[in-house]
Amino acid sequence: MASSRTLYCYSLIIISVLFTLSEATDFLVGGKINAWEIPSSPSDSLNGWAEENRFQIGDSLVWKFDGAKDSVLQVSRDDYLSCNTSNPIAAHKGGDVTVKLEESGPFYFISGAKGHCGNGQKLIVVVLSKGRRHFYGISPAPSPMEFEGPAIAPTSGASGLVVLRSGFSGALIVFLVGMVL
């Protein structure tokens, strides 16, 4: 039988994981600064990065790019597919852009710079309702490709930078581990 100290440690780990899963997350688009650019090949599409991440209501997308040369337009599905920049849902300029994802479903983003969208500078993000983030045995979100239409070749291992906005779970873990030790 496990000692009470061991059970206490396991309980703390489970609680900290649950807190972490419920926190809102800021996702740096493409996993790096200046990822908002024309991809060098179809396999470098930002949609590959989006497929590797799970987005929930309350999370935010963060773009870091040269605002003098480009912008981020949130558009409808039809405008995404046709690269229509004339009727955006929202236009974000300035280079440091944060978009909070406030509802579930697909979100469509294209570059506002002339010709960039047609050359692949666009992004679909599928937002899950709370509590469905991919985690050990829970099914992942539908692929953004299901919403786009034409297929895009899969990407090779682009990793995303995920930054938790709230430090509560980290502080709780440090505090509780300190109590046990």
Protein backbone atom coordinates (compact mmCIF):
# COMPACT_ATOMS: atom_id res chain seq x y z
CA MET A 1 0.00 0.00 0.00
CA ALA A 2 1.26 3.46 -0.88
CA SER A 3 2.25 5.78 1.91
CA SER A 4 0.14 8.81 2.69
CA ARG A 5 3.02 11.00 1.55
CA THR A 6 3.05 9.28 -1.88
CA LEU A 7 -0.73 9.63 -2.22
CA TYR A 8 -0.43 13.29 -1.25
CA CYS A 9 2.22 13.84 -3.96
CA TYR A 10 0.07 12.15 -6.60
CA SER A 11 -2.93 14.24 -5.54
CA LEU A 12 -0.91 17.43 -5.87
CA ILE A 13 0.27 16.47 -9.35
CA ILE A 14 -3.27 15.73 -10.50
CA ILE A 15 -4.58 19.00 -9.08
CA SER A 16 -1.78 21.01 -10.71
CA VAL A 17 -2.44 19.35 -14.11
CA LEU A 18 -6.13 20.20 -13.83
CA PHE A 19 -5.33 23.84 -13.02
CA THR A 20 -2.90 24.01 -15.94
CA LEU A 21 -5.45 22.60 -18.38
CA SER A 22 -8.03 25.20 -17.41
CA GLU A 23 -5.79 28.26 -17.82
CA ALA A 24 -5.94 30.51 -20.86
CA THR A 25 -2.88 30.36 -23.07
CA ASP A 26 -1.14 32.86 -25.33
CA PHE A 27 0.08 31.18 -28.53
CA LEU A 28 2.86 32.90 -30.46
CA VAL A 29 1.72 32.34 -34.06
CA GLY A 30 4.09 29.96 -35.81
CA GLY A 31 5.98 29.45 -32.55
CA LYS A 32 8.38 32.30 -33.26
CA ILE A 33 8.67 36.02 -33.91
CA ASN A 34 8.24 37.00 -37.58
CA ALA A 35 6.48 33.74 -38.49
CA TRP A 36 3.77 35.86 -40.17
CA GLU A 37 5.31 35.82 -43.65
CA ILE A 38 4.92 34.13 -47.02
CA PRO A 39 5.92 30.49 -46.49
CA SER A 40 8.99 29.33 -48.38
CA SER A 41 7.05 26.20 -49.45
CA PRO A 42 3.51 24.83 -48.97
CA SER A 43 4.86 22.52 -46.27
CA ASP A 44 5.88 25.62 -44.24
CA SER A 45 2.26 26.79 -43.97
CA LEU A 46 1.16 28.15 -40.60
CA ASN A 47 -1.78 25.76 -40.78
CA GLY A 48 0.63 22.93 -39.97
CA TRP A 49 1.58 24.78 -36.79
CA ALA A 50 -2.11 25.30 -35.97
CA GLU A 51 -2.81 21.58 -36.38
CA GLU A 52 -0.16 20.77 -33.77
CA ASN A 53 -1.82 22.95 -31.15
CA ARG A 54 -5.19 22.88 -29.40
CA PHE A 55 -6.93 26.19 -28.91
CA GLN A 56 -9.69 26.82 -26.36
CA ILE A 57 -12.10 29.65 -25.69
CA GLY A 58 -10.15 32.30 -23.76
CA ASP A 59 -6.80 31.56 -25.40
CA SER A 60 -5.10 34.25 -27.48
CA LEU A 61 -3.10 34.30 -30.69
CA VAL A 62 -0.07 36.60 -30.64
CA TRP A 63 1.59 37.85 -33.82
CA LYS A 64 5.00 39.56 -33.79
CA PHE A 65 5.93 41.01 -37.21
CA ASP A 66 6.94 44.23 -39.01
CA GLY A 67 3.76 46.30 -38.84
CA ALA A 68 5.03 48.75 -41.47
CA LYS A 69 5.00 45.99 -44.09
CA ASP A 70 2.01 43.80 -43.19
CA SER A 71 -1.18 43.33 -41.19
CA VAL A 72 -3.42 40.52 -39.97
CA LEU A 73 -6.99 40.39 -41.25
CA GLN A 74 -9.61 38.19 -39.65
CA VAL A 75 -11.97 37.17 -42.46
CA SER A 76 -14.85 34.86 -43.34
CA ARG A 77 -14.25 31.39 -44.77
CA ASP A 78 -15.13 32.57 -48.29
CA ASP A 79 -12.77 35.56 -48.05
CA TYR A 80 -10.06 33.23 -46.71
CA LEU A 81 -10.44 30.88 -49.69
CA SER A 82 -10.49 33.74 -52.23
CA CYS A 83 -7.90 35.92 -50.40
CA ASN A 84 -10.34 38.82 -50.38
CA THR A 85 -8.91 41.63 -48.22
CA SER A 86 -11.69 44.17 -48.89
CA ASN A 87 -14.19 43.11 -46.20
CA PRO A 88 -12.37 41.91 -43.05
CA ILE A 89 -14.18 41.05 -39.84
CA ALA A 90 -11.27 42.74 -38.04
CA ALA A 91 -8.04 44.39 -39.23
CA HIS A 92 -4.98 44.30 -36.98
CA LYS A 93 -1.99 46.52 -37.75
CA GLY A 94 1.14 47.55 -35.94
CA GLY A 95 3.21 44.38 -35.71
CA ASP A 96 2.33 43.33 -32.17
CA VAL A 97 -1.15 41.85 -32.46
CA THR A 98 -3.08 39.82 -29.90
CA VAL A 99 -6.43 38.27 -30.79
CA LYS A 100 -8.45 36.67 -28.00
CA LEU A 101 -10.38 33.59 -29.12
CA GLU A 102 -13.78 34.14 -27.50
CA GLU A 103 -15.90 31.43 -29.11
CA SER A 104 -15.51 27.92 -30.48
CA GLY A 105 -15.21 27.11 -34.16
CA PRO A 106 -12.86 28.04 -36.99
CA PHE A 107 -11.15 31.43 -37.20
CA TYR A 108 -9.68 32.56 -40.53
CA PHE A 109 -6.75 34.99 -40.87
CA ILE A 110 -5.01 36.33 -43.96
CA SER A 111 -2.23 38.81 -44.63
CA GLY A 112 -3.32 42.32 -45.53
CA ALA A 113 -0.25 42.89 -47.73
CA LYS A 114 -0.95 42.71 -51.46
CA GLY A 115 -0.31 39.26 -52.92
CA HIS A 116 0.76 37.64 -49.64
CA CYS A 117 -2.40 35.61 -49.03
CA GLY A 118 -2.33 34.21 -52.56
CA ASN A 119 1.21 33.03 -51.84
CA GLY A 120 0.13 31.14 -48.72
CA GLN A 121 0.33 33.68 -45.89
CA LYS A 122 -2.85 32.70 -44.12
CA LEU A 123 -3.99 30.74 -41.10
CA ILE A 124 -6.99 28.74 -39.86
CA VAL A 125 -7.34 28.14 -36.14
CA VAL A 126 -10.02 25.79 -34.78
CA VAL A 127 -11.11 26.73 -31.25
CA LEU A 128 -12.52 24.09 -28.91
CA SER A 129 -14.98 24.75 -26.14
CA LYS A 130 -13.50 24.68 -22.62
CA GLY A 131 -12.30 21.38 -21.29
CA ARG A 132 -11.50 19.63 -24.59
CA ARG A 133 -7.78 20.40 -24.91
CA HIS A 134 -5.91 17.36 -26.22
CA PHE A 135 -4.51 15.53 -23.22
CA TYR A 136 -3.78 11.83 -22.73
CA GLY A 137 -6.61 9.97 -24.40
CA ILE A 138 -8.91 12.89 -25.16
CA SER A 139 -9.60 13.24 -28.87
CA PRO A 140 -7.85 16.12 -30.64
CA ALA A 141 -9.71 18.96 -32.32
CA PRO A 142 -10.72 18.70 -35.94
CA SER A 143 -7.94 19.65 -38.29
CA PRO A 144 -8.02 23.17 -39.77
CA MET A 145 -7.72 21.44 -43.13
CA GLU A 146 -11.30 20.18 -42.72
CA PHE A 147 -12.43 23.79 -42.93
CA GLU A 148 -10.22 25.02 -45.72
CA GLY A 149 -11.20 23.09 -48.82
CA PRO A 150 -8.13 22.18 -50.90
CA ALA A 151 -5.62 19.98 -49.13
CA ILE A 152 -2.22 21.28 -48.08
CA ALA A 153 0.79 19.05 -47.64
CA PRO A 154 1.58 18.25 -44.00
CA THR A 155 4.33 20.20 -42.33
CA SER A 156 7.47 18.86 -40.76
CA GLY A 157 7.72 19.39 -37.04
CA ALA A 158 7.11 23.14 -36.66
CA SER A 159 6.84 23.61 -32.94
CA GLY A 160 4.74 26.22 -31.23
CA LEU A 161 5.67 28.39 -28.31
CA VAL A 162 2.99 28.21 -25.67
CA VAL A 163 3.05 30.70 -22.81
CA LEU A 164 0.64 30.36 -19.91
CA ARG A 165 -0.75 33.77 -18.97
CA SER A 166 -1.55 32.90 -15.40
CA GLY A 167 1.24 31.91 -13.07
CA PHE A 168 -1.19 30.42 -10.54
CA SER A 169 -0.61 26.75 -11.37
CA GLY A 170 3.16 27.17 -11.47
CA ALA A 171 3.15 28.95 -8.12
CA LEU A 172 0.81 26.30 -6.70
CA ILE A 173 3.07 23.48 -7.87
CA VAL A 174 6.16 25.11 -6.35
CA PHE A 175 4.34 25.77 -3.08
CA LEU A 176 2.88 22.26 -2.79
CA VAL A 177 6.10 20.48 -3.75
CA GLY A 178 7.90 22.59 -1.14
CA MET A 179 5.37 21.47 1.46
CA VAL A 180 5.95 17.80 0.62
CA LEU A 181 9.74 18.02 0.59
